[in-house]
Each structure stands twice: as structure tokens, then as C-alpha cells.
């Protein structure tokens, strides 16, 4: 053993606490210091506001890419509690901005459940060159400012205010991130996903970086995933097949919407508690099980498959299929190195049962559309 290795003992260990730990190892909290981590910072900042909408204490959220390169996330909720005002309905603003995980919601079907990391506003604060929090509540306006996670002044009463809500404005720290350029399209795609997965959400995104070319888009899908699927081009049949059902066995709900389109590409997107499950999992397996059971049984009823014919293959069933499979669970179990696969066992049978039942009913009630679907499936090459 070398003298150098012998010298390594408890006295050489450095313990990092609080926001200092976030700044020292940012990748542990937001995944990377590249573009992916930069955008994740926005989702962390927005999650609290979106959860307020889902909880019924706010009605809309506004995300703005500001002219100075920052992000502003505002909502019309109750306004976060402020310590100096004596509020007792949750952690005060100062604590949320300085303590990791403070105010973070446990995973459940009624919240966005921390996205990928769930560290909340404290991580955003730690990794911002400058952050300003503004609270409007009880007729008063309060402002608190930080630089690199350190308060530059105490919470200040900034006069009267109309209405209520919270606005967090931050600029990512150039000392931390490899890039400071936000992609409007990347952010918009994710907020659009969140909106169609959660029909109560009302999100407006504005790009104010170029005064000569401002743009804004609103994401609101009262019909949920069905509205999203209905927007897809070149449908093979007019109906969107969709449903939502709760199962006590899986301790949650399943919502599915799908339609075959006039293409050979399969586009099946699955989510668990609004989180993309790119690795699939039990909800996606259940969807495919139910799809195969319903289509093969109907094809045999119509004598398009004889008793000696094999079932349609997954390749045939998936040709032109566009689908959203969304599970919302009280206790989601994620698997895989990047936790991108749902593992809850009971989910598979529940989803398969629901898909088989609803698709079978649709096929029988809509023979002309069913014929178009079966014709597309039959003409696809088996693999």
C-alpha cells in the first residue's frame, strides 16, 4: 500500500451540505450540465406551479423565455407562504429556496411526482446565477433575491398587490452550464405532453428573447390524450379510440388513446405519472396484450383468419398505430438504469383487460372502420 493511499482516512473526507453540494455535483441533481440539464432546470421550476393547478389552487401557468436569457415561471395560485407574514400553510418561501426537497410531493397519481429527480426550487436556486422570487398574497407583494443560492437581501415587502400567485425568475449560472441557450421547441414539446396527459393544466409558453419576433403558444387539452391523437395527420379511420379507467388492483388509473394512421410507422408513447417511460414497462405490455387479443379475436369472428392461421404479429398490429398509454399510480415502481420502465406487476393485466374490452366494443360497433384497420394489418408484411 502506497503512502498516498495510507494517508486517506476520515480526515480527508469533505462533507458537502445543502446547496453547496448541488453546485459541486450538479449532474447528480439535474442529470447533466449540458442542454438536457439546462432544460430540466425549467421543469423543476415549473413543477410546483403545475402541481398547484392539479391540486385546484391555481388555474394557469405561464412560462416565459425572457429577453436577458432567463426563465420566468408564474402562476395564479394562492402564493407561496412567506415566513415574515406568519403563514402556516406549508413551508415558507425562504425554506423552499434553500432546503433540498422541501415542499416536494411524494409520488402519487395526483401530482407530477418530482419528474426525474424531484429536488424542487432549491436546486433551481443553487444552479442559477441570479434568482428572484415574487409572491402576491393577502394584498401584499413580497420579493426575495438570490445569487448562486445565497440570499442577497432579506425578504422584502414590495407594496400592495392585486390577486395572488408566485413568480420565479432565474438565469442559469454560466459557471455551471456548458450552454445557456434554451430551446423553445424542446421545452414546448414537454409542456405539451404534460398538458395532454393532465387535462386540467393550462400552460402558456412565450418566447420574448427576440422583440422583433415574439411567439407564444397555449397548451390545453380538455379531452386529454384523445385530443392529442386527434391532431395527428393522415388518419386511417375518423374515430379516436380512447378511455380512462380506475383499477384498485393497480392502485391507480389507466388512460389510453389510439388510432391507426395511413403510414407504416408505429408511434406508441407510454407514460407513468406523466413521466415518459421510453423503456416501456407493464402498462405498455398490457396495451399490446389487449390490442392483440381484441384484433385477433375480431378477425376470427369475421373469418379473416381461419382456425389454422396464426395470429397477427406485433409488426402487423403496429403498422400505422399511434397511441398514448398513460398510467397514474399511487406507488409507481420504476426500473432500469435510467428508471425509464414501469415495473408495477398488476398494471399489465389491468391495462390488457381494459384495452381488449374497449377495442372489441369499438370494432363491433364500427364495422366500416374496423374493415379499414384489418385491411391495413393484413397487408403488412409479417416479421
Protein backbone atom coordinates (compact mmCIF):
# COMPACT_ATOMS: atom_id res chain seq x y z
CA UNK A 1 0.00 0.00 0.00
CA UNK A 2 1.42 3.39 -1.00
CA UNK A 3 1.98 6.25 1.42
CA UNK A 4 -0.61 8.21 -0.58
CA UNK A 5 -3.31 5.58 -0.05
CA UNK A 6 -2.41 5.22 3.62
CA UNK A 7 -3.00 8.92 4.05
CA UNK A 8 -6.63 8.57 3.00
CA UNK A 9 -8.73 8.46 6.17
CA UNK A 10 -11.71 10.20 7.73
CA UNK A 11 -9.80 13.46 7.97
CA UNK A 12 -9.62 13.69 4.16
CA UNK A 13 -13.36 13.33 3.60
CA UNK A 14 -15.14 16.56 2.69
CA UNK A 15 -18.81 16.72 3.67
CA UNK A 16 -20.86 18.98 1.43
CA UNK A 17 -24.13 20.28 2.79
CA UNK A 18 -27.17 21.99 1.34
CA UNK A 19 -26.90 23.98 -1.86
CA UNK A 20 -23.10 23.74 -1.82
CA UNK A 21 -23.48 20.04 -2.64
CA UNK A 22 -25.70 20.85 -5.62
CA UNK A 23 -23.20 23.30 -7.07
CA UNK A 24 -20.33 20.87 -6.56
CA UNK A 25 -22.09 17.89 -8.20
CA UNK A 26 -24.90 19.35 -10.35
CA UNK A 27 -25.19 16.25 -12.53
CA UNK A 28 -26.42 14.25 -9.53
CA UNK A 29 -29.43 16.56 -9.26
CA UNK A 30 -30.38 17.51 -12.83
CA UNK A 31 -28.70 14.78 -14.90
CA UNK A 32 -26.12 16.89 -16.77
CA UNK A 33 -24.72 20.38 -17.16
CA UNK A 34 -25.45 20.34 -20.88
CA UNK A 35 -28.65 21.18 -22.72
CA UNK A 36 -30.60 18.36 -21.07
CA UNK A 37 -29.79 19.60 -17.57
CA UNK A 38 -30.47 23.19 -18.56
CA UNK A 39 -33.97 22.29 -19.71
CA UNK A 40 -34.55 20.10 -16.67
CA UNK A 41 -34.00 23.17 -14.52
CA UNK A 42 -37.06 24.73 -16.17
CA UNK A 43 -39.17 21.65 -15.48
CA UNK A 44 -38.10 21.67 -11.83
CA UNK A 45 -39.10 25.32 -11.56
CA UNK A 46 -42.44 24.72 -13.27
CA UNK A 47 -43.42 21.56 -11.43
CA UNK A 48 -44.62 23.31 -8.29
CA UNK A 49 -46.84 25.66 -10.29
CA UNK A 50 -48.31 22.80 -12.33
CA UNK A 51 -48.97 20.77 -9.19
CA UNK A 52 -50.90 23.75 -7.82
CA UNK A 53 -53.16 23.62 -10.87
CA UNK A 54 -53.65 19.88 -10.47
CA UNK A 55 -54.40 20.45 -6.79
CA UNK A 56 -57.05 23.04 -7.60
CA UNK A 57 -55.33 26.06 -6.05
CA UNK A 58 -54.29 27.64 -9.37
CA UNK A 59 -55.82 27.76 -12.84
CA UNK A 60 -52.94 28.53 -15.19
CA UNK A 61 -49.17 28.76 -15.53
CA UNK A 62 -47.06 31.00 -17.75
CA UNK A 63 -43.51 30.13 -18.80
CA UNK A 64 -41.57 32.94 -20.45
CA UNK A 65 -38.13 32.89 -22.06
CA UNK A 66 -37.01 36.39 -21.16
CA UNK A 67 -35.02 38.84 -23.26
CA UNK A 68 -32.00 38.60 -20.93
CA UNK A 69 -31.70 34.81 -21.36
CA UNK A 70 -33.59 33.80 -18.27
CA UNK A 71 -36.82 31.95 -17.50
CA UNK A 72 -39.88 33.22 -15.68
CA UNK A 73 -42.42 30.74 -14.28
CA UNK A 74 -45.59 32.36 -12.96
CA UNK A 75 -48.92 31.05 -11.68
CA UNK A 76 -52.14 32.48 -10.31
CA UNK A 77 -52.26 30.27 -7.24
CA UNK A 78 -52.52 31.23 -3.59
CA UNK A 79 -48.96 32.50 -3.45
CA UNK A 80 -46.31 30.60 -1.52
CA UNK A 81 -46.29 31.23 2.24
CA UNK A 82 -43.81 33.86 3.42
CA UNK A 83 -42.28 33.47 6.84
CA UNK A 84 -42.45 37.11 7.89
CA UNK A 85 -46.20 37.19 7.27
CA UNK A 86 -46.84 34.35 9.69
CA UNK A 87 -48.40 31.94 7.21
CA UNK A 88 -48.66 28.33 8.38
CA UNK A 89 -50.00 26.51 5.29
CA UNK A 90 -46.77 24.90 4.19
CA UNK A 91 -43.01 25.55 4.10
CA UNK A 92 -42.27 29.27 3.70
CA UNK A 93 -40.69 30.64 0.54
CA UNK A 94 -37.29 31.09 2.18
CA UNK A 95 -37.15 27.42 3.18
CA UNK A 96 -38.29 26.14 -0.23
CA UNK A 97 -35.49 28.07 -1.91
CA UNK A 98 -32.75 26.98 0.49
CA UNK A 99 -33.55 23.41 1.62
CA UNK A 100 -33.33 20.43 -0.72
CA UNK A 101 -36.60 18.56 -1.29
CA UNK A 102 -38.54 20.97 0.92
CA UNK A 103 -42.11 21.05 -0.30
CA UNK A 104 -41.55 18.19 -2.76
CA UNK A 105 -44.59 15.97 -3.15
CA UNK A 106 -44.36 12.18 -2.68
CA UNK A 107 -45.06 10.13 -5.79
CA UNK A 108 -48.78 9.73 -6.31
CA UNK A 109 -51.28 9.82 -9.14
CA UNK A 110 -52.43 13.38 -8.42
CA UNK A 111 -49.11 15.17 -8.81
CA UNK A 112 -46.24 15.28 -11.27
CA UNK A 113 -44.24 13.47 -8.59
CA UNK A 114 -40.85 15.02 -8.96
CA UNK A 115 -40.29 14.36 -12.65
CA UNK A 116 -36.87 12.74 -12.85
CA UNK A 117 -35.24 13.97 -9.66
CA UNK A 118 -37.84 15.97 -7.71
CA UNK A 119 -35.49 18.31 -5.86
CA UNK A 120 -37.64 21.37 -6.39
CA UNK A 121 -36.88 25.08 -6.20
CA UNK A 122 -33.75 24.75 -4.06
CA UNK A 123 -31.87 23.07 -6.90
CA UNK A 124 -33.01 25.77 -9.33
CA UNK A 125 -31.77 28.38 -6.88
CA UNK A 126 -28.43 26.67 -6.34
CA UNK A 127 -27.69 26.48 -10.07
CA UNK A 128 -28.85 29.97 -11.00
CA UNK A 129 -26.54 32.96 -11.32
CA UNK A 130 -29.46 35.01 -10.13
CA UNK A 131 -32.96 34.11 -8.97
CA UNK A 132 -35.84 36.37 -7.97
CA UNK A 133 -38.95 35.09 -6.23
CA UNK A 134 -42.07 37.24 -6.18
CA UNK A 135 -45.14 36.34 -4.13
CA UNK A 136 -48.51 38.09 -4.28
CA UNK A 137 -50.69 37.14 -1.36
CA UNK A 138 -53.21 38.71 1.01
CA UNK A 139 -52.98 42.01 -0.86
CA UNK A 140 -49.21 42.28 -0.42
CA UNK A 141 -46.24 41.73 -2.72
CA UNK A 142 -43.06 40.14 -1.41
CA UNK A 143 -39.69 39.84 -3.18
CA UNK A 144 -36.64 37.73 -2.37
CA UNK A 145 -33.42 37.66 -4.44
CA UNK A 146 -30.52 35.22 -4.57
CA UNK A 147 -27.18 34.94 -6.33
CA UNK A 148 -25.78 31.43 -6.79
CA UNK A 149 -28.00 30.15 -3.99
CA UNK A 150 -27.13 32.87 -1.49
CA UNK A 151 -29.71 35.48 -0.49
CA UNK A 152 -28.55 38.99 -1.41
CA UNK A 153 -31.07 40.57 0.95
CA UNK A 154 -33.80 39.57 3.35
CA UNK A 155 -37.36 39.03 2.21
CA UNK A 156 -38.77 42.44 1.35
CA UNK A 157 -42.32 43.75 1.37
CA UNK A 158 -42.64 45.48 -2.02
CA UNK A 159 -46.01 47.16 -1.67
CA UNK A 160 -49.60 46.20 -2.39
CA UNK A 161 -50.63 43.59 -4.94
CA UNK A 162 -53.73 42.64 -6.85
CA UNK A 163 -54.67 39.00 -6.99
CA UNK A 164 -52.35 36.22 -5.86
CA UNK A 165 -49.67 33.94 -7.23
CA UNK A 166 -45.98 33.14 -7.36
CA UNK A 167 -43.37 34.03 -9.98
CA UNK A 168 -39.88 32.55 -10.08
CA UNK A 169 -37.42 34.23 -12.46
CA UNK A 170 -33.94 32.81 -12.84
CA UNK A 171 -30.87 32.86 -15.05
CA UNK A 172 -28.80 29.66 -15.20
CA UNK A 173 -25.27 30.05 -13.86
CA UNK A 174 -22.64 30.39 -16.61
CA UNK A 175 -20.10 28.86 -14.21
CA UNK A 176 -22.16 25.64 -14.09
CA UNK A 177 -23.71 25.07 -17.51
CA UNK A 178 -22.00 24.29 -20.80
CA UNK A 179 -24.72 26.17 -22.67
CA UNK A 180 -27.16 28.88 -21.65
CA UNK A 181 -29.32 28.69 -24.78
CA UNK A 182 -32.81 27.34 -24.14
CA UNK A 183 -34.65 25.59 -26.95
CA UNK A 184 -38.22 26.84 -27.18
CA UNK A 185 -39.18 23.74 -29.19
CA UNK A 186 -37.72 21.27 -26.66
CA UNK A 187 -39.45 22.98 -23.75
CA UNK A 188 -42.70 23.32 -25.69
CA UNK A 189 -42.74 19.63 -26.56
CA UNK A 190 -42.52 18.61 -22.91
CA UNK A 191 -45.09 21.13 -21.68
CA UNK A 192 -47.41 20.00 -24.46
CA UNK A 193 -47.00 16.42 -23.21
CA UNK A 194 -47.80 17.43 -19.67
CA UNK A 195 -50.90 19.29 -20.85
CA UNK A 196 -52.44 16.41 -22.79
CA UNK A 197 -51.57 13.94 -20.03
CA UNK A 198 -53.25 16.19 -17.44
CA UNK A 199 -56.38 17.78 -18.87
CA UNK A 200 -56.68 20.30 -16.02
CA UNK A 201 -53.44 22.01 -16.99
CA UNK A 202 -53.48 25.34 -18.81
CA UNK A 203 -49.95 26.36 -19.84
CA UNK A 204 -48.83 29.32 -21.89
CA UNK A 205 -45.29 29.49 -23.25
CA UNK A 206 -43.88 32.76 -24.55
CA UNK A 207 -40.55 33.39 -26.27
CA UNK A 208 -39.65 37.03 -25.64
CA UNK A 209 -35.96 36.76 -26.48
CA UNK A 210 -36.32 38.48 -29.84
CA UNK A 211 -38.59 41.55 -29.59
CA UNK A 212 -38.87 41.58 -33.37
CA UNK A 213 -40.17 38.02 -33.48
CA UNK A 214 -42.04 37.13 -30.27
CA UNK A 215 -44.11 33.94 -30.20
CA UNK A 216 -46.50 32.34 -27.79
CA UNK A 217 -48.37 29.07 -27.64
CA UNK A 218 -51.03 27.79 -25.27
CA UNK A 219 -51.30 24.13 -24.26
CA UNK A 220 -54.68 22.98 -23.05
CA UNK A 221 -56.30 19.63 -23.82
CA UNK A 222 -59.72 19.26 -22.14
CA UNK A 223 -60.09 15.87 -23.84
CA UNK A 224 -56.70 14.63 -22.63
CA UNK A 225 -54.72 12.21 -24.82
CA UNK A 226 -57.67 11.84 -27.20
CA UNK A 227 -57.26 15.49 -28.22
CA UNK A 228 -53.58 14.87 -28.87
CA UNK A 229 -54.20 11.81 -31.03
CA UNK A 230 -56.95 13.65 -32.93
CA UNK A 231 -54.34 16.19 -34.08
CA UNK A 232 -52.19 13.56 -35.78
CA UNK A 233 -52.26 13.73 -39.56
CA UNK A 234 -53.46 11.20 -42.17
CA UNK A 235 -55.76 9.05 -40.01
CA UNK A 236 -56.85 5.71 -41.43
CA UNK A 237 -60.21 6.00 -39.67
CA UNK A 238 -62.00 9.04 -38.17
CA UNK A 239 -62.57 7.78 -34.63
CA UNK A 240 -60.03 8.08 -31.84
CA UNK A 241 -60.39 5.04 -29.61
CA UNK A 242 -59.92 6.10 -26.03
CA UNK A 243 -60.93 5.54 -22.44
CA UNK A 244 -59.93 6.09 -18.83
CA UNK A 245 -60.46 3.54 -16.09
CA UNK A 246 -59.53 3.10 -12.46
CA UNK A 247 -58.41 -0.24 -11.03
CA UNK A 248 -57.98 -0.89 -7.34
CA UNK A 249 -55.66 -3.81 -8.16
CA UNK A 250 -53.10 -1.43 -9.67
CA UNK A 251 -53.84 1.40 -7.22
CA UNK A 252 -54.32 3.91 -9.97
CA UNK A 253 -55.85 4.77 -13.29
CA UNK A 254 -55.06 3.95 -16.88
CA UNK A 255 -55.85 6.27 -19.77
CA UNK A 256 -55.36 5.14 -23.37
CA UNK A 257 -56.00 6.83 -26.72
CA UNK A 258 -55.05 5.41 -30.11
CA UNK A 259 -55.80 5.37 -33.81
CA UNK A 260 -54.31 3.78 -36.90
CA UNK A 261 -52.89 6.23 -39.44
CA UNK A 262 -52.15 5.95 -43.13
CA UNK A 263 -48.49 5.08 -42.71
CA UNK A 264 -46.32 2.11 -41.82
CA UNK A 265 -44.72 3.78 -38.79
CA UNK A 266 -45.65 2.81 -35.25
CA UNK A 267 -45.73 5.63 -32.69
CA UNK A 268 -46.63 4.34 -29.24
CA UNK A 269 -45.75 6.67 -26.36
CA UNK A 270 -46.16 5.47 -22.78
CA UNK A 271 -46.06 7.44 -19.54
CA UNK A 272 -46.23 6.72 -15.82
CA UNK A 273 -47.32 9.58 -13.56
CA UNK A 274 -46.73 11.92 -16.52
CA UNK A 275 -43.14 10.75 -16.86
CA UNK A 276 -42.08 9.34 -20.27
CA UNK A 277 -41.33 5.63 -20.00
CA UNK A 278 -39.14 5.22 -23.05
CA UNK A 279 -38.17 1.76 -21.84
CA UNK A 280 -41.81 0.68 -21.80
CA UNK A 281 -42.96 -1.49 -18.94
CA UNK A 282 -46.02 -3.25 -17.66
CA UNK A 283 -48.51 -0.63 -18.89
CA UNK A 284 -47.15 -0.83 -22.44
CA UNK A 285 -47.05 -4.63 -22.37
CA UNK A 286 -50.66 -4.62 -21.21
CA UNK A 287 -51.68 -2.29 -24.03
CA UNK A 288 -50.11 -4.58 -26.62
CA UNK A 289 -51.62 -7.69 -24.99
CA UNK A 290 -55.11 -6.20 -25.10
CA UNK A 291 -54.68 -4.89 -28.63
CA UNK A 292 -53.61 -8.31 -29.93
CA UNK A 293 -56.39 -10.14 -28.09
CA UNK A 294 -59.13 -7.87 -29.44
CA UNK A 295 -57.95 -7.65 -33.05
CA UNK A 296 -57.16 -11.35 -33.44
CA UNK A 297 -60.48 -12.39 -31.88
CA UNK A 298 -62.42 -10.00 -34.11
CA UNK A 299 -60.55 -11.15 -37.21
CA UNK A 300 -61.52 -14.74 -36.43
CA UNK A 301 -65.14 -13.73 -35.79
CA UNK A 302 -65.19 -12.17 -39.26
CA UNK A 303 -63.39 -15.20 -40.72
CA UNK A 304 -60.50 -13.06 -41.87
CA UNK A 305 -58.33 -15.54 -40.01
CA UNK A 306 -59.12 -19.23 -40.24
CA UNK A 307 -58.63 -21.58 -37.27
CA UNK A 308 -55.34 -22.70 -38.81
CA UNK A 309 -54.00 -19.19 -39.44
CA UNK A 310 -51.51 -17.75 -36.96
CA UNK A 311 -52.35 -14.58 -35.07
CA UNK A 312 -51.27 -11.24 -36.47
CA UNK A 313 -47.73 -10.32 -35.46
CA UNK A 314 -46.80 -7.25 -33.40
CA UNK A 315 -45.33 -5.74 -36.58
CA UNK A 316 -48.63 -6.09 -38.38
CA UNK A 317 -50.67 -4.74 -35.48
CA UNK A 318 -48.34 -1.77 -35.06
CA UNK A 319 -48.22 -0.59 -38.67
CA UNK A 320 -49.58 2.96 -38.65
CA UNK A 321 -50.59 2.75 -34.98
CA UNK A 322 -50.38 5.98 -32.98
CA UNK A 323 -51.08 5.65 -29.27
CA UNK A 324 -50.70 7.20 -25.85
CA UNK A 325 -50.68 4.88 -22.84
CA UNK A 326 -50.74 6.79 -19.53
CA UNK A 327 -50.73 5.13 -16.11
CA UNK A 328 -51.13 7.19 -12.94
CA UNK A 329 -50.31 5.25 -9.82
CA UNK A 330 -50.24 5.92 -6.10
CA UNK A 331 -46.97 3.99 -5.80
CA UNK A 332 -45.16 3.81 -9.15
CA UNK A 333 -42.17 1.48 -9.40
CA UNK A 334 -39.57 2.48 -11.98
CA UNK A 335 -36.90 0.12 -13.25
CA UNK A 336 -33.81 0.27 -15.44
CA UNK A 337 -30.57 2.19 -15.17
CA UNK A 338 -32.34 5.43 -16.06
CA UNK A 339 -35.63 4.48 -14.36
CA UNK A 340 -37.48 4.70 -17.66
CA UNK A 341 -39.51 1.49 -17.37
CA UNK A 342 -42.63 0.87 -15.28
CA UNK A 343 -42.43 -2.26 -13.14
CA UNK A 344 -45.73 -2.48 -11.23
CA UNK A 345 -46.86 -6.07 -11.86
CA UNK A 346 -50.67 -5.76 -11.56
CA UNK A 347 -50.73 -2.99 -14.17
CA UNK A 348 -50.22 -5.34 -17.12
CA UNK A 349 -53.36 -7.43 -16.61
CA UNK A 350 -55.50 -4.38 -15.80
CA UNK A 351 -54.45 -2.49 -18.93
CA UNK A 352 -54.80 -5.58 -21.12
CA UNK A 353 -58.32 -6.17 -19.83
CA UNK A 354 -59.40 -2.57 -20.42
CA UNK A 355 -57.90 -2.34 -23.92
CA UNK A 356 -59.36 -5.68 -25.01
CA UNK A 357 -62.82 -4.71 -23.77
CA UNK A 358 -62.92 -1.23 -25.30
CA UNK A 359 -61.31 -2.13 -28.62
CA UNK A 360 -63.59 -5.15 -29.07
CA UNK A 361 -66.65 -2.95 -28.50
CA UNK A 362 -65.36 -0.36 -30.96
CA UNK A 363 -64.60 -2.91 -33.69
CA UNK A 364 -68.07 -4.43 -33.43
CA UNK A 365 -69.82 -1.04 -33.36
CA UNK A 366 -67.89 0.39 -36.31
CA UNK A 367 -67.63 -2.32 -38.99
CA UNK A 368 -66.57 0.03 -41.80
CA UNK A 369 -63.70 1.50 -39.77
CA UNK A 370 -62.81 -1.96 -38.48
CA UNK A 371 -62.58 -3.22 -42.06
CA UNK A 372 -60.10 -0.45 -42.93
CA UNK A 373 -57.96 -1.32 -39.90
CA UNK A 374 -57.99 -5.06 -40.62
CA UNK A 375 -57.14 -4.44 -44.27
CA UNK A 376 -54.08 -2.38 -43.27
CA UNK A 377 -52.97 -5.02 -40.76
CA UNK A 378 -53.46 -7.87 -43.25
CA UNK A 379 -51.43 -6.21 -45.99
CA UNK A 380 -48.44 -5.54 -43.72
CA UNK A 381 -45.59 -8.00 -44.12
CA UNK A 382 -45.22 -10.44 -41.24
CA UNK A 383 -41.96 -10.34 -39.27
